[in-house]
N, C-alpha and C. Protein backbone atom coordinates (compact mmCIF):
# COMPACT_ATOMS: atom_id res chain seq x y z
N MET A 1 80.12 -45.29 -27.40
CA MET A 1 80.45 -43.93 -26.96
C MET A 1 79.28 -42.99 -27.24
N ARG A 2 79.15 -42.03 -26.37
CA ARG A 2 78.19 -40.95 -26.62
C ARG A 2 79.01 -39.65 -26.72
N GLU A 3 78.37 -38.61 -27.19
CA GLU A 3 79.03 -37.34 -27.36
C GLU A 3 78.41 -36.27 -26.53
N LEU A 4 79.26 -35.41 -25.98
CA LEU A 4 78.85 -34.25 -25.25
C LEU A 4 79.43 -33.06 -25.97
N ILE A 5 78.56 -32.18 -26.45
CA ILE A 5 78.99 -30.99 -27.19
C ILE A 5 78.77 -29.79 -26.26
N LEU A 6 79.82 -29.04 -26.03
CA LEU A 6 79.75 -27.85 -25.20
C LEU A 6 79.86 -26.64 -26.09
N LEU A 7 78.89 -25.76 -26.06
CA LEU A 7 78.85 -24.55 -26.86
C LEU A 7 78.76 -23.32 -25.95
N ARG A 8 79.83 -22.54 -25.98
CA ARG A 8 79.76 -21.30 -25.22
C ARG A 8 79.02 -20.26 -26.04
N HIS A 9 78.24 -19.41 -25.37
CA HIS A 9 77.49 -18.36 -26.06
C HIS A 9 78.47 -17.47 -26.84
N ALA A 10 77.99 -16.84 -27.92
CA ALA A 10 78.78 -15.93 -28.70
C ALA A 10 78.90 -14.59 -28.00
N HIS A 11 79.70 -13.67 -28.59
CA HIS A 11 79.90 -12.36 -28.01
C HIS A 11 78.56 -11.66 -27.73
N ALA A 12 78.48 -11.06 -26.57
CA ALA A 12 77.26 -10.35 -26.14
C ALA A 12 77.57 -8.87 -25.98
N GLU A 13 76.52 -8.09 -26.03
CA GLU A 13 76.65 -6.66 -25.72
C GLU A 13 76.97 -6.51 -24.24
N ALA A 14 77.64 -5.46 -23.88
CA ALA A 14 77.86 -5.12 -22.48
C ALA A 14 76.53 -4.74 -21.88
N ALA A 15 76.38 -4.97 -20.59
CA ALA A 15 75.14 -4.62 -19.94
C ALA A 15 74.99 -3.10 -19.90
N SER A 16 73.81 -2.62 -20.23
CA SER A 16 73.55 -1.17 -20.09
C SER A 16 73.14 -0.89 -18.66
N ALA A 17 73.09 0.36 -18.31
CA ALA A 17 72.76 0.77 -16.94
C ALA A 17 71.45 0.12 -16.50
N GLY A 18 71.52 -0.58 -15.39
CA GLY A 18 70.32 -1.20 -14.84
C GLY A 18 69.89 -2.52 -15.51
N GLN A 19 70.59 -2.92 -16.57
CA GLN A 19 70.21 -4.16 -17.27
C GLN A 19 70.79 -5.38 -16.53
N ALA A 20 69.94 -6.36 -16.34
CA ALA A 20 70.37 -7.60 -15.71
C ALA A 20 71.30 -8.37 -16.67
N ASP A 21 72.26 -9.07 -16.08
CA ASP A 21 73.19 -9.86 -16.90
C ASP A 21 72.42 -10.90 -17.77
N LEU A 22 71.37 -11.47 -17.22
CA LEU A 22 70.57 -12.46 -17.96
C LEU A 22 69.97 -11.88 -19.25
N ASP A 23 69.80 -10.54 -19.31
CA ASP A 23 69.12 -9.92 -20.45
C ASP A 23 70.04 -9.39 -21.53
N ARG A 24 71.34 -9.64 -21.40
CA ARG A 24 72.30 -9.12 -22.42
C ARG A 24 72.11 -9.88 -23.74
N PRO A 25 71.91 -9.11 -24.85
CA PRO A 25 71.75 -9.77 -26.15
C PRO A 25 73.10 -9.99 -26.83
N LEU A 26 73.07 -10.77 -27.88
CA LEU A 26 74.26 -10.93 -28.72
C LEU A 26 74.57 -9.64 -29.42
N SER A 27 75.83 -9.39 -29.64
CA SER A 27 76.24 -8.25 -30.48
C SER A 27 76.13 -8.72 -31.97
N ALA A 28 76.32 -7.78 -32.89
CA ALA A 28 76.32 -8.15 -34.29
C ALA A 28 77.43 -9.18 -34.58
N GLU A 29 78.59 -8.97 -33.97
CA GLU A 29 79.70 -9.93 -34.06
C GLU A 29 79.29 -11.31 -33.52
N GLY A 30 78.62 -11.28 -32.40
CA GLY A 30 78.17 -12.53 -31.78
C GLY A 30 77.19 -13.28 -32.65
N LEU A 31 76.28 -12.59 -33.28
CA LEU A 31 75.34 -13.23 -34.17
C LEU A 31 76.06 -13.95 -35.31
N ALA A 32 77.03 -13.27 -35.90
CA ALA A 32 77.83 -13.89 -36.98
C ALA A 32 78.59 -15.13 -36.46
N GLU A 33 79.13 -15.03 -35.23
CA GLU A 33 79.85 -16.15 -34.65
C GLU A 33 78.91 -17.33 -34.43
N ALA A 34 77.73 -17.08 -33.90
CA ALA A 34 76.76 -18.13 -33.64
C ALA A 34 76.31 -18.82 -34.94
N GLU A 35 76.10 -18.04 -35.97
CA GLU A 35 75.74 -18.60 -37.28
C GLU A 35 76.87 -19.50 -37.79
N ALA A 36 78.13 -19.02 -37.66
CA ALA A 36 79.29 -19.81 -38.04
C ALA A 36 79.38 -21.10 -37.28
N ALA A 37 79.07 -21.05 -35.99
CA ALA A 37 79.08 -22.26 -35.16
C ALA A 37 78.07 -23.28 -35.66
N GLY A 38 76.91 -22.78 -36.01
CA GLY A 38 75.85 -23.66 -36.56
C GLY A 38 76.30 -24.32 -37.86
N ARG A 39 76.93 -23.52 -38.74
CA ARG A 39 77.44 -24.09 -40.01
C ARG A 39 78.49 -25.16 -39.73
N TRP A 40 79.38 -24.88 -38.79
CA TRP A 40 80.45 -25.86 -38.48
C TRP A 40 79.85 -27.17 -37.98
N LEU A 41 78.88 -27.06 -37.07
CA LEU A 41 78.23 -28.26 -36.60
C LEU A 41 77.56 -29.03 -37.72
N ALA A 42 76.85 -28.32 -38.61
CA ALA A 42 76.18 -28.98 -39.73
C ALA A 42 77.19 -29.62 -40.67
N GLU A 43 78.23 -28.90 -41.02
CA GLU A 43 79.25 -29.43 -41.98
C GLU A 43 79.94 -30.66 -41.42
N ASN A 44 80.06 -30.75 -40.07
CA ASN A 44 80.73 -31.88 -39.45
C ASN A 44 79.80 -32.95 -38.95
N HIS A 45 78.51 -32.82 -39.35
CA HIS A 45 77.50 -33.81 -39.01
C HIS A 45 77.40 -34.04 -37.49
N LEU A 46 77.46 -32.92 -36.76
CA LEU A 46 77.41 -32.98 -35.29
C LEU A 46 76.09 -32.38 -34.82
N ILE A 47 75.00 -32.95 -35.29
CA ILE A 47 73.65 -32.49 -34.92
C ILE A 47 73.25 -33.17 -33.62
N PRO A 48 73.03 -32.36 -32.58
CA PRO A 48 72.67 -32.99 -31.27
C PRO A 48 71.30 -33.63 -31.31
N ASP A 49 71.15 -34.63 -30.46
CA ASP A 49 69.81 -35.23 -30.24
C ASP A 49 68.98 -34.39 -29.30
N CYS A 50 69.66 -33.66 -28.41
CA CYS A 50 68.97 -32.84 -27.43
C CYS A 50 69.93 -31.73 -27.02
N VAL A 51 69.32 -30.54 -26.73
CA VAL A 51 70.10 -29.40 -26.28
C VAL A 51 69.55 -28.91 -24.93
N LEU A 52 70.42 -28.66 -24.01
CA LEU A 52 70.05 -27.99 -22.77
C LEU A 52 70.70 -26.60 -22.83
N CYS A 53 69.94 -25.56 -22.66
CA CYS A 53 70.42 -24.20 -22.83
C CYS A 53 70.17 -23.37 -21.59
N SER A 54 71.13 -22.55 -21.24
CA SER A 54 70.98 -21.58 -20.16
C SER A 54 69.82 -20.63 -20.48
N PRO A 55 69.17 -20.08 -19.48
CA PRO A 55 68.05 -19.15 -19.75
C PRO A 55 68.48 -17.76 -20.18
N SER A 56 69.79 -17.47 -20.17
CA SER A 56 70.18 -16.09 -20.54
C SER A 56 69.84 -15.77 -21.98
N ARG A 57 69.59 -14.52 -22.22
CA ARG A 57 69.24 -14.11 -23.58
C ARG A 57 70.35 -14.43 -24.61
N ARG A 58 71.60 -14.20 -24.22
CA ARG A 58 72.72 -14.43 -25.17
C ARG A 58 72.88 -15.90 -25.50
N THR A 59 72.59 -16.82 -24.56
CA THR A 59 72.66 -18.23 -24.88
C THR A 59 71.50 -18.63 -25.77
N ARG A 60 70.31 -18.14 -25.45
CA ARG A 60 69.15 -18.46 -26.26
C ARG A 60 69.27 -17.95 -27.68
N GLU A 61 69.84 -16.76 -27.84
CA GLU A 61 70.06 -16.19 -29.17
C GLU A 61 71.15 -16.98 -29.91
N THR A 62 72.16 -17.43 -29.20
CA THR A 62 73.20 -18.27 -29.81
C THR A 62 72.57 -19.54 -30.35
N LEU A 63 71.81 -20.20 -29.50
CA LEU A 63 71.14 -21.43 -29.90
C LEU A 63 70.22 -21.20 -31.09
N GLU A 64 69.46 -20.12 -31.07
CA GLU A 64 68.55 -19.85 -32.18
C GLU A 64 69.29 -19.72 -33.50
N ALA A 65 70.46 -19.04 -33.46
CA ALA A 65 71.26 -18.89 -34.71
C ALA A 65 71.82 -20.25 -35.15
N VAL A 66 72.24 -21.06 -34.21
CA VAL A 66 72.74 -22.41 -34.52
C VAL A 66 71.65 -23.23 -35.16
N LEU A 67 70.45 -23.18 -34.60
CA LEU A 67 69.31 -23.95 -35.13
C LEU A 67 68.98 -23.52 -36.56
N GLY A 68 69.26 -22.27 -36.89
CA GLY A 68 69.04 -21.84 -38.25
C GLY A 68 69.88 -22.61 -39.28
N ALA A 69 71.02 -23.15 -38.83
CA ALA A 69 71.89 -23.91 -39.68
C ALA A 69 71.66 -25.40 -39.59
N ILE A 70 71.28 -25.89 -38.39
CA ILE A 70 71.17 -27.36 -38.22
C ILE A 70 69.73 -27.86 -38.22
N GLY A 71 68.78 -26.96 -38.12
CA GLY A 71 67.38 -27.36 -38.08
C GLY A 71 66.90 -27.60 -36.64
N TYR A 72 65.62 -27.85 -36.51
CA TYR A 72 64.99 -28.02 -35.21
C TYR A 72 65.46 -29.32 -34.55
N ILE A 73 65.74 -29.23 -33.28
CA ILE A 73 66.05 -30.40 -32.47
C ILE A 73 65.39 -30.22 -31.09
N ASP A 74 65.31 -31.31 -30.35
CA ASP A 74 64.76 -31.27 -28.98
C ASP A 74 65.63 -30.33 -28.16
N GLN A 75 64.97 -29.37 -27.51
CA GLN A 75 65.71 -28.38 -26.70
C GLN A 75 64.94 -28.00 -25.48
N ARG A 76 65.70 -27.74 -24.41
CA ARG A 76 65.10 -27.30 -23.16
C ARG A 76 65.92 -26.21 -22.51
N ILE A 77 65.21 -25.25 -21.95
CA ILE A 77 65.87 -24.21 -21.15
C ILE A 77 66.16 -24.85 -19.80
N GLU A 78 67.42 -24.75 -19.36
CA GLU A 78 67.84 -25.35 -18.10
C GLU A 78 68.44 -24.27 -17.23
N PRO A 79 67.68 -23.74 -16.26
CA PRO A 79 68.15 -22.67 -15.41
C PRO A 79 69.49 -22.96 -14.68
N ALA A 80 69.74 -24.21 -14.37
CA ALA A 80 70.94 -24.57 -13.61
C ALA A 80 72.22 -24.31 -14.40
N ILE A 81 72.15 -24.15 -15.71
CA ILE A 81 73.37 -23.92 -16.54
C ILE A 81 73.92 -22.52 -16.28
N TYR A 82 73.06 -21.56 -15.99
CA TYR A 82 73.53 -20.18 -15.74
C TYR A 82 74.36 -20.18 -14.45
N GLU A 83 75.58 -19.72 -14.56
CA GLU A 83 76.55 -19.68 -13.45
C GLU A 83 76.87 -21.06 -12.89
N ALA A 84 76.77 -22.10 -13.73
CA ALA A 84 77.01 -23.49 -13.27
C ALA A 84 78.47 -23.78 -13.04
N THR A 85 78.72 -24.60 -12.06
CA THR A 85 80.04 -25.19 -11.86
C THR A 85 80.19 -26.45 -12.73
N PRO A 86 81.39 -26.92 -12.91
CA PRO A 86 81.52 -28.18 -13.65
C PRO A 86 80.72 -29.33 -13.02
N GLY A 87 80.64 -29.35 -11.71
CA GLY A 87 79.85 -30.39 -11.01
C GLY A 87 78.38 -30.33 -11.37
N THR A 88 77.83 -29.15 -11.44
CA THR A 88 76.43 -28.98 -11.84
C THR A 88 76.21 -29.44 -13.27
N LEU A 89 77.15 -29.08 -14.13
CA LEU A 89 77.01 -29.47 -15.55
C LEU A 89 77.15 -30.99 -15.72
N ILE A 90 78.04 -31.59 -14.94
CA ILE A 90 78.16 -33.06 -14.97
C ILE A 90 76.87 -33.70 -14.52
N GLY A 91 76.25 -33.15 -13.50
CA GLY A 91 74.92 -33.68 -13.04
C GLY A 91 73.89 -33.61 -14.08
N LEU A 92 73.86 -32.52 -14.83
CA LEU A 92 72.86 -32.36 -15.93
C LEU A 92 73.15 -33.37 -17.04
N ALA A 93 74.42 -33.54 -17.38
CA ALA A 93 74.76 -34.50 -18.43
C ALA A 93 74.44 -35.91 -17.99
N ASP A 94 74.76 -36.23 -16.75
CA ASP A 94 74.47 -37.57 -16.22
C ASP A 94 72.96 -37.84 -16.16
N ALA A 95 72.19 -36.81 -15.91
CA ALA A 95 70.73 -36.98 -15.86
C ALA A 95 70.16 -37.23 -17.28
N ASN A 96 70.97 -37.03 -18.28
CA ASN A 96 70.55 -37.24 -19.66
C ASN A 96 71.43 -38.28 -20.35
N VAL A 97 71.84 -39.29 -19.61
CA VAL A 97 72.78 -40.31 -20.10
C VAL A 97 72.20 -41.06 -21.31
N GLU A 98 70.89 -41.09 -21.44
CA GLU A 98 70.25 -41.83 -22.54
C GLU A 98 70.38 -41.06 -23.86
N VAL A 99 70.78 -39.81 -23.83
CA VAL A 99 70.91 -39.01 -25.06
C VAL A 99 72.26 -39.31 -25.70
N GLY A 100 72.25 -39.78 -26.94
CA GLY A 100 73.48 -40.15 -27.64
C GLY A 100 74.40 -38.97 -27.88
N ARG A 101 73.83 -37.82 -28.26
CA ARG A 101 74.62 -36.60 -28.53
C ARG A 101 73.92 -35.44 -27.86
N LEU A 102 74.44 -35.04 -26.73
CA LEU A 102 73.84 -33.98 -25.91
C LEU A 102 74.69 -32.74 -26.06
N MET A 103 74.01 -31.58 -26.27
CA MET A 103 74.68 -30.29 -26.31
C MET A 103 74.27 -29.43 -25.18
N LEU A 104 75.26 -28.84 -24.51
CA LEU A 104 75.00 -27.84 -23.46
C LEU A 104 75.40 -26.47 -23.99
N VAL A 105 74.53 -25.50 -23.93
CA VAL A 105 74.82 -24.12 -24.37
C VAL A 105 74.89 -23.28 -23.11
N GLY A 106 76.07 -22.75 -22.81
CA GLY A 106 76.20 -22.04 -21.57
C GLY A 106 77.33 -21.03 -21.55
N HIS A 107 78.00 -20.96 -20.40
CA HIS A 107 78.90 -19.88 -20.09
C HIS A 107 80.24 -20.36 -19.53
N ASN A 108 81.22 -19.49 -19.61
CA ASN A 108 82.47 -19.70 -18.90
C ASN A 108 82.31 -19.05 -17.51
N PRO A 109 83.03 -19.52 -16.52
CA PRO A 109 84.09 -20.48 -16.63
C PRO A 109 83.61 -21.94 -16.58
N GLY A 110 82.32 -22.18 -16.34
CA GLY A 110 81.83 -23.51 -16.18
C GLY A 110 82.11 -24.45 -17.35
N LEU A 111 81.86 -24.01 -18.59
CA LEU A 111 82.03 -24.88 -19.74
C LEU A 111 83.50 -25.22 -19.98
N GLU A 112 84.39 -24.23 -19.93
CA GLU A 112 85.81 -24.51 -20.20
C GLU A 112 86.40 -25.37 -19.08
N ARG A 113 85.95 -25.16 -17.88
CA ARG A 113 86.45 -26.01 -16.76
C ARG A 113 85.92 -27.44 -16.91
N LEU A 114 84.69 -27.57 -17.35
CA LEU A 114 84.12 -28.87 -17.57
C LEU A 114 84.92 -29.65 -18.66
N ALA A 115 85.17 -28.96 -19.78
CA ALA A 115 85.93 -29.58 -20.87
C ALA A 115 87.29 -30.05 -20.34
N ALA A 116 87.99 -29.20 -19.62
CA ALA A 116 89.31 -29.54 -19.10
C ALA A 116 89.23 -30.69 -18.12
N LEU A 117 88.27 -30.64 -17.22
CA LEU A 117 88.10 -31.67 -16.19
C LEU A 117 87.80 -33.03 -16.81
N LEU A 118 86.88 -33.06 -17.73
CA LEU A 118 86.52 -34.37 -18.35
C LEU A 118 87.64 -34.93 -19.21
N HIS A 119 88.38 -34.04 -19.86
CA HIS A 119 89.44 -34.50 -20.77
C HIS A 119 90.75 -34.80 -20.02
N SER A 120 91.22 -33.84 -19.22
CA SER A 120 92.54 -34.02 -18.59
C SER A 120 92.50 -34.45 -17.14
N GLY A 121 91.30 -34.33 -16.53
CA GLY A 121 91.18 -34.68 -15.13
C GLY A 121 91.39 -33.52 -14.19
N GLN A 122 91.73 -32.33 -14.76
CA GLN A 122 91.98 -31.15 -13.95
C GLN A 122 91.29 -29.94 -14.58
N SER A 123 90.80 -29.03 -13.74
CA SER A 123 90.18 -27.83 -14.31
C SER A 123 90.96 -26.59 -13.95
N GLY A 124 91.55 -26.53 -12.79
CA GLY A 124 92.44 -25.45 -12.34
C GLY A 124 92.13 -24.09 -12.90
N ASP A 125 93.11 -23.44 -13.44
CA ASP A 125 93.00 -22.09 -14.00
C ASP A 125 92.84 -22.15 -15.50
N TYR A 126 92.32 -23.23 -16.02
CA TYR A 126 92.19 -23.40 -17.47
C TYR A 126 91.31 -22.29 -18.04
N ARG A 127 91.80 -21.62 -19.05
CA ARG A 127 91.04 -20.62 -19.77
C ARG A 127 91.29 -20.82 -21.24
N GLY A 128 90.31 -21.32 -21.96
CA GLY A 128 90.57 -21.56 -23.34
C GLY A 128 89.36 -21.79 -24.23
N MET A 129 88.18 -21.35 -23.79
CA MET A 129 86.99 -21.52 -24.62
C MET A 129 86.45 -20.16 -24.99
N PRO A 130 86.78 -19.66 -26.20
CA PRO A 130 86.34 -18.35 -26.60
C PRO A 130 84.86 -18.29 -26.90
N PRO A 131 84.31 -17.07 -27.02
CA PRO A 131 82.88 -16.99 -27.36
C PRO A 131 82.55 -17.77 -28.64
N ALA A 132 81.46 -18.50 -28.58
CA ALA A 132 80.96 -19.35 -29.65
C ALA A 132 81.88 -20.58 -29.86
N GLY A 133 82.79 -20.83 -28.92
CA GLY A 133 83.66 -21.99 -29.01
C GLY A 133 82.86 -23.26 -28.79
N ILE A 134 83.34 -24.32 -29.42
CA ILE A 134 82.68 -25.64 -29.33
C ILE A 134 83.70 -26.69 -28.95
N ALA A 135 83.42 -27.46 -27.94
CA ALA A 135 84.22 -28.63 -27.57
C ALA A 135 83.34 -29.87 -27.74
N VAL A 136 83.88 -30.86 -28.42
CA VAL A 136 83.15 -32.12 -28.63
C VAL A 136 83.92 -33.21 -27.88
N LEU A 137 83.22 -33.82 -26.93
CA LEU A 137 83.84 -34.84 -26.09
C LEU A 137 83.17 -36.20 -26.30
N HIS A 138 83.97 -37.25 -26.44
CA HIS A 138 83.43 -38.62 -26.51
C HIS A 138 83.51 -39.18 -25.11
N VAL A 139 82.42 -39.72 -24.60
CA VAL A 139 82.39 -40.29 -23.26
C VAL A 139 81.80 -41.68 -23.33
N PRO A 140 82.22 -42.58 -22.45
CA PRO A 140 81.67 -43.95 -22.45
C PRO A 140 80.17 -43.93 -22.26
N THR A 141 79.49 -44.83 -22.96
CA THR A 141 78.03 -44.94 -22.86
C THR A 141 77.65 -45.46 -21.52
N GLU A 142 76.59 -44.91 -20.97
CA GLU A 142 75.99 -45.35 -19.69
C GLU A 142 76.96 -45.44 -18.55
N THR A 143 77.92 -44.55 -18.53
CA THR A 143 78.90 -44.43 -17.45
C THR A 143 78.81 -43.04 -16.87
N ALA A 144 78.81 -42.94 -15.54
CA ALA A 144 78.79 -41.62 -14.91
C ALA A 144 80.05 -40.85 -15.30
N LEU A 145 79.89 -39.56 -15.52
CA LEU A 145 81.01 -38.71 -15.88
C LEU A 145 81.91 -38.49 -14.68
N GLU A 146 83.21 -38.49 -14.91
CA GLU A 146 84.17 -38.26 -13.86
C GLU A 146 85.42 -37.67 -14.52
N PRO A 147 86.33 -37.06 -13.72
CA PRO A 147 87.52 -36.48 -14.26
C PRO A 147 88.34 -37.43 -15.14
N GLY A 148 88.77 -36.92 -16.30
CA GLY A 148 89.64 -37.68 -17.20
C GLY A 148 88.97 -38.77 -18.01
N ILE A 149 87.65 -38.87 -17.99
CA ILE A 149 86.95 -39.98 -18.64
C ILE A 149 86.72 -39.75 -20.15
N ALA A 150 86.82 -38.49 -20.57
CA ALA A 150 86.42 -38.15 -21.95
C ALA A 150 87.63 -37.98 -22.90
N GLN A 151 87.35 -38.17 -24.17
CA GLN A 151 88.31 -37.91 -25.24
C GLN A 151 87.83 -36.68 -25.98
N LEU A 152 88.68 -35.66 -26.07
CA LEU A 152 88.35 -34.46 -26.83
C LEU A 152 88.51 -34.78 -28.30
N SER A 153 87.41 -34.82 -29.03
CA SER A 153 87.47 -35.21 -30.45
C SER A 153 87.49 -33.99 -31.39
N ALA A 154 87.05 -32.85 -30.93
CA ALA A 154 87.08 -31.66 -31.76
C ALA A 154 87.00 -30.43 -30.86
N PHE A 155 87.66 -29.36 -31.30
CA PHE A 155 87.57 -28.06 -30.64
C PHE A 155 87.57 -27.02 -31.74
N TRP A 156 86.58 -26.13 -31.75
CA TRP A 156 86.44 -25.16 -32.80
C TRP A 156 86.03 -23.82 -32.21
N TRP A 157 86.44 -22.76 -32.85
CA TRP A 157 85.95 -21.44 -32.50
C TRP A 157 86.00 -20.56 -33.74
N PRO A 158 85.16 -19.54 -33.80
CA PRO A 158 85.10 -18.67 -35.00
C PRO A 158 86.35 -17.80 -35.14
């Protein structure tokens, strides 16, 4: 089995006038949430082998706070994660099938729909991944991801 860790970015500031959504920073609450997420990952020995992160400022700041708790790991900014559908996220995970424990740092609704789709086989109107929420999914090794293939082994939020 391999693991797929989905981390939603922590709370972000609202966009100011003229500010692009991509440039929204974490709020003070969000920074605390991201640090707590990093501690939870470290305490549960869930250190990813590789991280793919959305290019948005709030996801990069979330990842930076998490890395403060878990240490440096292989990481890449992946533009396709921003506004990604579950299908796009599955494609990214399948392109990294050799990674034993892959973490995606991104956004809703893509992440929560992906978690639901891989676990239950349906994504529908599922809404259940709060800011800085983490879903840990076990998936068969070297098998393409498809609906209902994963076992949800942990779900955490601050």
